[in-house]
Amino acid sequence: MSAVPDRRARDAYRLVWRWHFYAGLFCLPFVLWLACTGSIYLFKPQIEAWLDRPYDRIDAQAPRVAPSTQVAAALAVVPGGVLNAYELPASNTSAARVLVGRGDDLVRVYVDPTNGHVLHHAVEDERLMRRIFYLHGELLMGDRGSMVVELAASWAIVMILSGLYLWWPRGKGLAGVLYPRVRERGRLFWRDLHAVVGVWVALLALSLLVSGLPWAKSWGGMLKEVRKFGSTTEVAQDWTTGRSDELAKRRAANTAMDDMADMPGMDRGQGESKKQSLHVEHADGGSSHTAVDLHALDRLVPTVARLQLPPPVLIAPPSKADAGWTGRSDTQNRPKRLTLKLDGATGQVINRKDFAQGALLDRAIGYGVAAHEGQLFGWPNQLLGLVTALGLITVTVSGFVMWWRRKPVKRLGAPPAHGARYPALMVGLLVVFGVLLPLLGISMLFVLVAERLVLRRVPRLHAFFN
């Protein structure tokens, strides 16, 4: 540890070290969890392609049945289901994927496009990579889990920034900061491993943490409210903020329009044609009717397929989420995404909105999310994300070993900061962090109050923490 001659600098150093300790102690299990689940999710395209390989062995030369026939077959295996979206086959040997909605649920049905036979179906939320997504972002706890992850990410930001301050060279050379002293053993080995890896992955880790915040229930929800100020139109985001927001959007997409004849730009004759019912026989012997004219897909699929959009490409029917037929590229590389407004009666594209036409904030978040998921610039992005995750695991494990080796018996061993005064700059930074990250601000106030009003007045707790 560097000697700091000035008393104010010493006080600042001791206080930063104590905050770094608190942040690390709280974040340790969450950082390990996020790094492990995030590493798996980085390779979602490869993993899903491997899992779906039994359904992507279609005869490339065989003639295809109409998309409406494929959808009817999919609806028949999900009693009470409605068409949520039709996913175009990604290649000549790929099965079509039909997303069938039913309330809050979504079922993915694999259909052989050559004969309309159902190959497989699975509840979307129970598929492996979707479970990893929920484990990573909300600990399988819905909105509450999302807030816990957000709090952990906020403290991880404090941990990284305070760590950079603590390990700054301060005129003593770069050994043990930018490169390890390879001949050292014991405490210095773990210290160098912790510091050097932490310095090298700091900026990458910070970018991952910040780019994940818009998805969080609390922070993302507040960002959405802030965006509404000065806006005369409804704010439409390309991402969800928590489980409840995702389910609300899913319910809207799974709910048919009450009166299709009232859709803008559609005359009464077109409306009556759209509302012609399609009789669907279900696998369990029951039947239902759908108000959506599925034959519109037979006109729309060739039009959208000719555009060669980045897969997966989805065509969705009119619903409460959108009053008309829509097509979109749902690729994880978000800067390549686009949305189409479609005319089901003619099969033509009415309007096209590319990623570049979105608001500046949306584009910035889109780039961040694509990089976060490892899809912005191909496999090098995945590799960079994996290296960052492994670096975070190394920093976490080495930090735990350092603490465990130096901590007193039956005591937590927090770095002492008795009598140290908070410099004005440090107070200002804590306030700024507390305002920008409200959950962090609330928890920091809790820590300060606990230290001043509890630890100082309860000798046993004071002795345990110090």
Protein backbone atom coordinates (compact mmCIF):
# COMPACT_ATOMS: atom_id res chain seq x y z
CA MET A 1 0.00 0.00 0.00
CA SER A 2 1.37 3.43 -0.92
CA ALA A 3 2.34 5.88 1.83
CA VAL A 4 0.38 9.10 1.50
CA PRO A 5 2.16 12.10 3.09
CA ASP A 6 -0.66 14.58 3.26
CA ARG A 7 -3.25 14.04 6.04
CA ARG A 8 -6.18 14.89 3.78
CA ALA A 9 -4.90 12.50 1.18
CA ARG A 10 -4.47 9.83 3.88
CA ASP A 11 -8.03 10.38 5.08
CA ALA A 12 -9.36 10.16 1.54
CA TYR A 13 -7.36 7.01 0.91
CA ARG A 14 -8.64 5.30 4.07
CA LEU A 15 -12.24 6.27 3.36
CA VAL A 16 -12.06 5.13 -0.27
CA TRP A 17 -10.53 1.85 0.88
CA ARG A 18 -13.38 1.35 3.35
CA TRP A 19 -16.00 2.03 0.66
CA HIS A 20 -14.13 -0.30 -1.69
CA PHE A 21 -14.28 -2.98 0.99
CA TYR A 22 -18.03 -2.54 1.55
CA ALA A 23 -18.69 -2.55 -2.18
CA GLY A 24 -16.61 -5.67 -2.74
CA LEU A 25 -18.13 -7.50 0.19
CA PHE A 26 -21.65 -6.91 -1.11
CA CYS A 27 -20.85 -7.42 -4.81
CA LEU A 28 -18.70 -10.55 -4.56
CA PRO A 29 -21.43 -13.19 -5.06
CA PHE A 30 -23.33 -11.08 -7.59
CA VAL A 31 -20.27 -10.32 -9.73
CA LEU A 32 -19.46 -14.03 -9.86
CA TRP A 33 -23.07 -14.80 -10.78
CA LEU A 34 -23.33 -12.13 -13.46
CA ALA A 35 -19.94 -13.01 -14.94
CA CYS A 36 -20.81 -16.72 -15.21
CA THR A 37 -24.33 -16.29 -16.59
CA GLY A 38 -23.21 -13.45 -18.85
CA SER A 39 -20.40 -15.59 -20.28
CA ILE A 40 -22.94 -18.23 -21.30
CA TYR A 41 -25.37 -15.69 -22.77
CA LEU A 42 -22.60 -14.21 -24.94
CA PHE A 43 -22.77 -17.34 -27.06
CA LYS A 44 -26.55 -17.45 -27.40
CA PRO A 45 -26.52 -17.67 -31.25
CA GLN A 46 -24.17 -20.65 -31.27
CA ILE A 47 -25.90 -22.42 -28.38
CA GLU A 48 -29.40 -21.99 -29.83
CA ALA A 49 -28.23 -23.10 -33.28
CA TRP A 50 -26.79 -26.25 -31.70
CA LEU A 51 -29.96 -26.93 -29.68
CA ASP A 52 -32.20 -26.35 -32.72
CA ARG A 53 -30.14 -28.43 -35.13
CA PRO A 54 -32.68 -31.34 -35.17
CA TYR A 55 -35.29 -28.96 -36.62
CA ASP A 56 -33.06 -27.37 -39.24
CA ARG A 57 -32.54 -30.34 -41.53
CA ILE A 58 -35.25 -29.54 -44.03
CA ASP A 59 -34.95 -30.63 -47.66
CA ALA A 60 -33.80 -27.47 -49.39
CA GLN A 61 -35.24 -28.52 -52.76
CA ALA A 62 -38.71 -29.58 -51.62
CA PRO A 63 -41.67 -27.27 -52.39
CA ARG A 64 -43.10 -25.22 -49.50
CA VAL A 65 -46.65 -25.04 -48.20
CA ALA A 66 -48.20 -21.62 -47.60
CA PRO A 67 -47.15 -19.73 -44.43
CA SER A 68 -50.82 -19.55 -43.41
CA THR A 69 -50.92 -23.38 -43.43
CA GLN A 70 -47.80 -23.50 -41.26
CA VAL A 71 -49.34 -21.07 -38.76
CA ALA A 72 -52.62 -23.00 -38.67
CA ALA A 73 -50.66 -26.14 -37.79
CA ALA A 74 -48.85 -24.29 -35.00
CA LEU A 75 -52.07 -22.87 -33.56
CA ALA A 76 -53.57 -26.35 -33.51
CA VAL A 77 -51.06 -27.57 -30.88
CA VAL A 78 -51.62 -24.62 -28.50
CA PRO A 79 -55.25 -24.57 -27.33
CA GLY A 80 -56.52 -21.03 -26.97
CA GLY A 81 -53.43 -19.61 -28.63
CA VAL A 82 -53.20 -16.72 -31.10
CA LEU A 83 -50.55 -15.79 -33.61
CA ASN A 84 -47.94 -13.58 -31.95
CA ALA A 85 -45.43 -13.63 -34.82
CA TYR A 86 -44.23 -15.75 -37.71
CA GLU A 87 -40.45 -16.12 -37.93
CA LEU A 88 -39.13 -16.63 -41.45
CA PRO A 89 -36.84 -19.67 -41.90
CA ALA A 90 -33.27 -18.40 -41.65
CA SER A 91 -32.12 -20.68 -44.50
CA ASN A 92 -33.45 -23.18 -47.04
CA THR A 93 -32.90 -25.98 -44.53
CA SER A 94 -34.44 -24.23 -41.52
CA ALA A 95 -37.82 -24.91 -39.97
CA ALA A 96 -40.23 -22.03 -39.63
CA ARG A 97 -40.73 -20.77 -36.09
CA VAL A 98 -44.24 -19.70 -35.14
CA LEU A 99 -44.65 -17.76 -31.89
CA VAL A 100 -48.07 -18.52 -30.44
CA GLY A 101 -49.33 -16.27 -27.66
CA ARG A 102 -51.69 -17.13 -24.87
CA GLY A 103 -52.10 -14.42 -22.25
CA ASP A 104 -48.71 -13.93 -20.59
CA ASP A 105 -47.26 -17.03 -22.24
CA LEU A 106 -45.43 -17.47 -25.49
CA VAL A 107 -44.95 -20.84 -27.18
CA ARG A 108 -42.36 -21.41 -29.91
CA VAL A 109 -43.57 -23.94 -32.47
CA TYR A 110 -41.19 -25.43 -35.05
CA VAL A 111 -42.98 -26.24 -38.30
CA ASP A 112 -41.65 -28.09 -41.33
CA PRO A 113 -42.30 -25.63 -44.18
CA THR A 114 -42.40 -28.44 -46.76
CA ASN A 115 -45.48 -30.16 -45.35
CA GLY A 116 -46.79 -28.06 -42.45
CA HIS A 117 -46.04 -30.73 -39.84
CA VAL A 118 -45.16 -29.58 -36.31
CA LEU A 119 -41.68 -30.79 -35.38
CA HIS A 120 -41.48 -29.49 -31.82
CA HIS A 121 -42.94 -26.86 -29.53
CA ALA A 122 -41.68 -25.32 -26.28
CA VAL A 123 -42.72 -22.57 -23.88
CA GLU A 124 -40.45 -19.64 -24.70
CA ASP A 125 -39.63 -18.76 -21.08
CA GLU A 126 -38.51 -22.33 -20.39
CA ARG A 127 -35.99 -22.49 -23.20
CA LEU A 128 -32.36 -22.66 -22.02
CA MET A 129 -31.11 -19.26 -23.17
CA ARG A 130 -34.26 -17.53 -21.98
CA ARG A 131 -33.69 -19.04 -18.53
CA ILE A 132 -30.09 -17.82 -18.62
CA PHE A 133 -31.39 -14.36 -19.57
CA TYR A 134 -33.69 -14.28 -16.54
CA LEU A 135 -31.01 -15.72 -14.26
CA HIS A 136 -28.60 -13.02 -15.39
CA GLY A 137 -30.94 -10.04 -15.31
CA GLU A 138 -33.38 -10.78 -12.51
CA LEU A 139 -32.25 -13.90 -10.61
CA LEU A 140 -35.55 -15.58 -11.58
CA MET A 141 -37.24 -13.16 -9.15
CA GLY A 142 -38.99 -10.82 -11.60
CA ASP A 143 -38.93 -7.09 -10.90
CA ARG A 144 -37.54 -7.54 -7.38
CA GLY A 145 -34.64 -9.55 -8.75
CA SER A 146 -34.02 -6.89 -11.39
CA MET A 147 -33.71 -4.28 -8.64
CA VAL A 148 -31.29 -6.48 -6.69
CA VAL A 149 -29.12 -6.90 -9.80
CA GLU A 150 -29.29 -3.14 -10.42
CA LEU A 151 -28.16 -2.46 -6.84
CA ALA A 152 -25.30 -4.94 -7.20
CA ALA A 153 -24.26 -3.38 -10.53
CA SER A 154 -24.31 0.08 -8.95
CA TRP A 155 -22.07 -1.04 -6.10
CA ALA A 156 -19.82 -2.80 -8.61
CA ILE A 157 -19.30 0.57 -10.33
CA VAL A 158 -18.23 2.02 -6.95
CA MET A 159 -15.96 -0.99 -6.40
CA ILE A 160 -14.20 -0.56 -9.74
CA LEU A 161 -13.75 3.22 -9.53
CA SER A 162 -12.54 3.08 -5.93
CA GLY A 163 -10.20 0.24 -6.88
CA LEU A 164 -8.64 2.34 -9.64
CA TYR A 165 -8.06 5.12 -7.10
CA LEU A 166 -6.47 2.73 -4.59
CA TRP A 167 -4.12 1.05 -7.06
CA TRP A 168 -3.02 4.20 -8.88
CA PRO A 169 0.82 4.12 -9.07
CA ARG A 170 1.47 7.46 -7.24
CA GLY A 171 5.02 7.69 -8.54
CA LYS A 172 6.14 4.20 -7.50
CA GLY A 173 6.34 2.64 -10.93
CA LEU A 174 4.02 0.44 -12.93
CA ALA A 175 5.01 -2.92 -11.45
CA GLY A 176 2.03 -4.39 -9.66
CA VAL A 177 -0.31 -2.03 -11.52
CA LEU A 178 0.04 -2.63 -15.25
CA TYR A 179 2.00 -5.87 -14.97
CA PRO A 180 2.51 -8.35 -12.13
CA ARG A 181 5.75 -9.00 -10.32
CA VAL A 182 5.99 -12.60 -11.45
CA ARG A 183 8.58 -13.68 -8.88
CA GLU A 184 6.46 -12.65 -5.92
CA ARG A 185 4.60 -15.19 -3.83
CA GLY A 186 2.05 -15.12 -1.04
CA ARG A 187 0.25 -11.86 -0.29
CA LEU A 188 2.02 -9.86 -3.00
CA PHE A 189 1.10 -12.42 -5.63
CA TRP A 190 -2.61 -12.09 -4.80
CA ARG A 191 -2.30 -8.34 -4.48
CA ASP A 192 -0.73 -8.01 -7.93
CA LEU A 193 -3.22 -10.42 -9.48
CA HIS A 194 -6.09 -8.41 -8.00
CA ALA A 195 -4.70 -5.01 -8.99
CA VAL A 196 -3.28 -5.75 -12.45
CA VAL A 197 -6.29 -7.68 -13.74
CA GLY A 198 -8.61 -5.08 -12.20
CA VAL A 199 -6.86 -2.20 -13.95
CA TRP A 200 -6.91 -3.93 -17.34
CA VAL A 201 -10.57 -4.91 -17.28
CA ALA A 202 -11.89 -1.81 -15.48
CA LEU A 203 -13.10 0.16 -18.49
CA LEU A 204 -14.60 -2.90 -20.17
CA ALA A 205 -16.36 -3.90 -16.96
CA LEU A 206 -17.72 -0.38 -16.45
CA SER A 207 -19.09 -0.35 -19.99
CA LEU A 208 -20.88 -3.66 -19.36
CA LEU A 209 -22.36 -2.44 -16.08
CA VAL A 210 -23.56 0.89 -17.50
CA SER A 211 -24.97 -0.62 -20.69
CA GLY A 212 -27.03 -3.06 -18.63
CA LEU A 213 -28.75 -0.38 -16.51
CA PRO A 214 -31.42 0.62 -19.09
CA TRP A 215 -32.89 -2.90 -18.77
CA ALA A 216 -33.23 -2.67 -14.98
CA LYS A 217 -36.67 -2.17 -13.47
CA SER A 218 -35.85 0.88 -11.34
CA TRP A 219 -33.18 2.75 -13.32
CA GLY A 220 -34.63 1.86 -16.73
CA GLY A 221 -38.13 2.83 -15.59
CA MET A 222 -36.90 6.22 -14.40
CA LEU A 223 -35.03 6.75 -17.66
CA LYS A 224 -38.27 6.07 -19.52
CA GLU A 225 -40.08 8.69 -17.42
CA VAL A 226 -37.32 11.24 -18.00
CA ARG A 227 -37.57 10.67 -21.75
CA LYS A 228 -41.24 11.64 -21.65
CA PHE A 229 -40.48 15.22 -20.62
CA GLY A 230 -40.87 17.53 -23.59
CA SER A 231 -42.15 14.70 -25.80
CA THR A 232 -45.55 15.07 -27.45
CA THR A 233 -45.74 11.44 -28.55
CA GLU A 234 -45.64 8.17 -26.66
CA VAL A 235 -42.13 6.95 -25.95
CA ALA A 236 -41.59 3.58 -27.63
CA GLN A 237 -38.46 1.70 -26.54
CA ASP A 238 -36.77 -1.21 -28.24
CA TRP A 239 -36.06 -2.80 -24.85
CA THR A 240 -38.04 -3.71 -21.76
CA THR A 241 -37.50 -2.54 -18.18
CA GLY A 242 -38.11 -5.46 -15.89
CA ARG A 243 -40.31 -8.52 -16.06
CA SER A 244 -43.62 -6.67 -15.59
CA ASP A 245 -42.89 -4.40 -18.57
CA GLU A 246 -41.98 -7.39 -20.72
CA LEU A 247 -45.19 -9.20 -19.81
CA ALA A 248 -47.30 -6.09 -20.47
CA LYS A 249 -45.86 -5.81 -23.98
CA ARG A 250 -46.36 -9.52 -24.54
CA ARG A 251 -50.01 -9.37 -23.46
CA ALA A 252 -50.61 -6.49 -25.85
CA ALA A 253 -49.07 -8.45 -28.73
CA ASN A 254 -51.16 -11.49 -27.77
CA THR A 255 -54.42 -9.52 -27.79
CA ALA A 256 -56.30 -9.01 -31.07
CA MET A 257 -57.74 -5.63 -32.03
CA ASP A 258 -61.32 -5.18 -30.82
CA ASP A 259 -62.52 -3.92 -34.19
CA MET A 260 -60.25 -4.41 -37.16
CA ALA A 261 -62.59 -2.36 -39.33
CA ASP A 262 -61.63 0.74 -37.37
CA MET A 263 -57.97 0.45 -38.25
CA PRO A 264 -56.54 3.63 -39.84
CA GLY A 265 -56.36 3.50 -43.62
CA MET A 266 -58.72 0.54 -43.96
CA ASP A 267 -62.15 0.83 -45.53
CA ARG A 268 -65.11 -1.18 -44.26
CA GLY A 269 -64.85 -3.75 -47.03
CA GLN A 270 -61.23 -4.48 -46.16
CA GLY A 271 -62.14 -4.69 -42.49
CA GLU A 272 -64.82 -7.30 -43.09
CA SER A 273 -62.36 -9.33 -45.17
CA LYS A 274 -59.82 -9.18 -42.36
CA LYS A 275 -62.35 -10.33 -39.81
CA GLN A 276 -63.20 -13.52 -41.63
CA SER A 277 -62.66 -16.32 -39.10
CA LEU A 278 -60.22 -19.15 -39.65
CA HIS A 279 -61.33 -22.44 -38.11
CA VAL A 280 -58.49 -24.23 -36.31
CA GLU A 281 -58.71 -27.86 -35.15
CA HIS A 282 -56.53 -28.42 -32.07
CA ALA A 283 -54.51 -31.50 -31.27
CA ASP A 284 -56.63 -32.19 -28.18
CA GLY A 285 -59.82 -32.39 -30.24
CA GLY A 286 -61.02 -28.89 -29.49
CA SER A 287 -61.28 -25.98 -31.91
CA SER A 288 -61.17 -22.20 -31.97
CA HIS A 289 -61.44 -19.26 -34.34
CA THR A 290 -59.01 -16.45 -35.01
CA ALA A 291 -60.09 -13.04 -36.26
CA VAL A 292 -56.79 -12.50 -38.11
CA ASP A 293 -56.74 -13.29 -41.82
CA LEU A 294 -53.72 -15.58 -41.88
CA HIS A 295 -53.74 -15.59 -45.68
CA ALA A 296 -52.20 -12.12 -45.47
CA LEU A 297 -49.00 -13.92 -44.49
CA ASP A 298 -48.97 -15.63 -47.90
CA ARG A 299 -48.69 -12.19 -49.46
CA LEU A 300 -46.33 -10.64 -46.88
CA VAL A 301 -43.74 -13.38 -46.43
CA PRO A 302 -42.38 -13.22 -50.03
CA THR A 303 -42.19 -9.42 -49.83
CA VAL A 304 -40.26 -9.42 -46.56
CA ALA A 305 -38.05 -12.37 -47.57
CA ARG A 306 -36.85 -10.47 -50.67
CA LEU A 307 -35.47 -7.71 -48.42
CA GLN A 308 -32.97 -10.18 -46.88
CA LEU A 309 -33.12 -8.64 -43.41
CA PRO A 310 -30.73 -9.87 -40.69
CA PRO A 311 -32.35 -12.87 -38.97
CA PRO A 312 -34.41 -13.56 -37.02
CA VAL A 313 -37.10 -11.84 -39.10
CA LEU A 314 -40.59 -11.69 -37.58
CA ILE A 315 -43.94 -10.80 -39.12
CA ALA A 316 -46.62 -9.93 -36.56
CA PRO A 317 -50.39 -9.55 -37.10
CA PRO A 318 -52.49 -6.58 -35.99
CA SER A 319 -52.89 -6.47 -32.21
CA LYS A 320 -53.26 -4.03 -29.36
CA ALA A 321 -49.49 -3.59 -29.53
CA ASP A 322 -49.70 -2.34 -33.12
CA ALA A 323 -52.81 -1.74 -35.21
CA GLY A 324 -51.41 -3.14 -38.46
CA TRP A 325 -49.22 -5.90 -39.81
CA THR A 326 -45.55 -5.34 -38.99
CA GLY A 327 -42.26 -6.93 -39.96
CA ARG A 328 -38.98 -6.52 -38.16
CA SER A 329 -35.45 -7.79 -37.87
CA ASP A 330 -34.94 -8.89 -34.28
CA THR A 331 -31.19 -9.41 -34.58
CA GLN A 332 -29.12 -8.98 -31.40
CA ASN A 333 -26.85 -6.64 -33.37
CA ARG A 334 -29.27 -3.80 -32.75
CA PRO A 335 -27.77 -1.21 -35.13
CA LYS A 336 -28.91 -3.55 -37.95
CA ARG A 337 -32.50 -3.72 -36.73
CA LEU A 338 -35.40 -2.19 -38.63
CA THR A 339 -39.18 -2.19 -38.53
CA LEU A 340 -41.63 -2.38 -41.43
CA LYS A 341 -45.26 -1.34 -41.61
CA LEU A 342 -47.02 -3.76 -43.93
CA ASP A 343 -50.29 -3.83 -45.89
CA GLY A 344 -51.81 -7.28 -45.43
CA ALA A 345 -54.27 -6.78 -48.30
CA THR A 346 -51.64 -6.05 -50.97
CA GLY A 347 -48.52 -7.54 -49.40
CA GLN A 348 -46.64 -4.26 -49.81
CA VAL A 349 -44.34 -2.33 -47.47
CA ILE A 350 -46.03 0.89 -46.32
CA ASN A 351 -43.23 2.34 -44.22
CA ARG A 352 -39.71 1.44 -43.15
CA LYS A 353 -37.88 2.67 -40.04
CA ASP A 354 -34.19 1.90 -39.72
CA PHE A 355 -32.08 2.01 -36.55
CA ALA A 356 -30.42 5.23 -37.72
CA GLN A 357 -33.80 7.00 -37.69
CA GLY A 358 -34.26 6.42 -33.96
CA ALA A 359 -33.60 8.98 -31.24
CA LEU A 360 -29.96 9.61 -30.33
CA LEU A 361 -30.42 8.17 -26.84
CA ASP A 362 -32.04 5.03 -28.25
CA ARG A 363 -29.18 4.55 -30.68
CA ALA A 364 -26.58 4.98 -27.94
CA ILE A 365 -28.36 2.41 -25.77
CA GLY A 366 -28.75 0.10 -28.77
CA TYR A 367 -25.01 0.13 -29.42
CA GLY A 368 -24.36 -0.47 -25.73
CA VAL A 369 -26.76 -3.41 -25.49
CA ALA A 370 -25.40 -5.01 -28.67
CA ALA A 371 -21.86 -4.77 -27.27
CA HIS A 372 -23.08 -6.01 -23.87
CA GLU A 373 -24.55 -9.13 -25.50
CA GLY A 374 -21.43 -9.70 -27.58
CA GLN A 375 -23.11 -9.13 -30.94
CA LEU A 376 -21.92 -5.69 -32.10
CA PHE A 377 -18.85 -6.80 -34.06
CA GLY A 378 -19.04 -10.56 -34.26
CA TRP A 379 -16.88 -13.14 -32.50
CA PRO A 380 -14.22 -10.60 -31.39
CA ASN A 381 -17.00 -8.92 -29.37
CA GLN A 382 -17.88 -12.28 -27.81
CA LEU A 383 -14.22 -12.94 -27.01
CA LEU A 384 -13.79 -9.49 -25.47
CA GLY A 385 -16.87 -10.04 -23.31
CA LEU A 386 -15.59 -13.43 -22.21
CA VAL A 387 -12.17 -11.99 -21.30
CA THR A 388 -13.88 -9.26 -19.28
CA ALA A 389 -16.04 -11.80 -17.44
CA LEU A 390 -13.02 -13.99 -16.66
CA GLY A 391 -11.17 -10.89 -15.48
CA LEU A 392 -14.01 -10.00 -13.11
CA ILE A 393 -14.02 -13.55 -11.75
CA THR A 394 -10.25 -13.32 -11.17
CA VAL A 395 -10.53 -9.95 -9.42
CA THR A 396 -13.37 -11.21 -7.23
CA VAL A 397 -11.64 -14.44 -6.21
CA SER A 398 -8.28 -12.75 -5.56
CA GLY A 399 -9.99 -10.01 -3.54
CA PHE A 400 -11.73 -12.63 -1.41
CA VAL A 401 -8.42 -14.45 -0.81
CA MET A 402 -6.70 -11.18 0.20
CA TRP A 403 -9.48 -10.37 2.66
CA TRP A 404 -9.67 -13.88 4.08
CA ARG A 405 -5.91 -14.00 4.70
CA ARG A 406 -5.72 -10.67 6.50
CA LYS A 407 -9.04 -10.59 8.37
CA PRO A 408 -8.85 -11.05 12.14
CA VAL A 409 -10.42 -14.14 13.72
CA LYS A 410 -14.18 -13.76 14.27
CA ARG A 411 -14.12 -10.24 12.84
CA LEU A 412 -15.02 -8.79 9.47
CA GLY A 413 -11.89 -6.70 9.32
CA ALA A 414 -13.09 -3.61 7.46
CA PRO A 415 -10.27 -1.15 6.69
CA PRO A 416 -10.08 1.38 9.58
CA ALA A 417 -11.11 4.95 8.93
CA HIS A 418 -11.49 6.30 12.48
CA GLY A 419 -11.32 10.08 12.66
CA ALA A 420 -11.00 10.49 8.90
CA ARG A 421 -12.96 13.38 7.43
CA TYR A 422 -14.64 13.23 4.07
CA PRO A 423 -12.99 15.67 1.62
CA ALA A 424 -15.43 18.00 -0.13
CA LEU A 425 -14.62 16.44 -3.52
CA MET A 426 -15.39 12.95 -2.22
CA VAL A 427 -18.68 14.13 -0.72
CA GLY A 428 -19.58 15.71 -4.04
CA LEU A 429 -18.80 12.50 -5.94
CA LEU A 430 -20.88 10.40 -3.53
CA VAL A 431 -23.81 12.78 -3.99
CA VAL A 432 -23.48 12.64 -7.78
CA PHE A 433 -23.41 8.83 -7.73
CA GLY A 434 -26.38 8.79 -5.37
CA VAL A 435 -28.42 11.00 -7.69
CA LEU A 436 -27.48 9.20 -10.91
CA LEU A 437 -27.99 5.77 -9.32
CA PRO A 438 -30.86 6.21 -6.84
CA LEU A 439 -30.80 2.66 -5.45
CA LEU A 440 -27.10 3.12 -4.77
CA GLY A 441 -27.79 6.49 -3.12
CA ILE A 442 -30.39 4.98 -0.78
CA SER A 443 -28.09 2.12 0.18
CA MET A 444 -25.14 4.49 0.76
CA LEU A 445 -27.27 6.54 3.14
CA PHE A 446 -28.15 3.32 4.94
CA VAL A 447 -24.45 2.44 5.30
CA LEU A 448 -23.57 5.93 6.60
CA VAL A 449 -26.43 5.92 9.10
CA ALA A 450 -25.53 2.39 10.24
CA GLU A 451 -21.89 3.39 10.76
CA ARG A 452 -22.62 6.58 12.68
CA LEU A 453 -25.69 5.61 14.68
CA VAL A 454 -25.30 1.86 15.16
CA LEU A 455 -21.69 0.71 14.90
CA ARG A 456 -20.38 3.51 17.10
CA ARG A 457 -22.96 2.82 19.80
CA VAL A 458 -22.91 -0.98 19.85
CA PRO A 459 -19.45 -2.13 20.98
CA ARG A 460 -19.86 -5.72 19.76
CA LEU A 461 -20.84 -4.65 16.25
CA HIS A 462 -18.07 -2.05 16.23
CA ALA A 463 -15.54 -4.69 17.20
CA PHE A 464 -16.87 -7.17 14.62
CA PHE A 465 -16.73 -4.77 11.67
CA ASN A 466 -13.30 -3.34 12.45
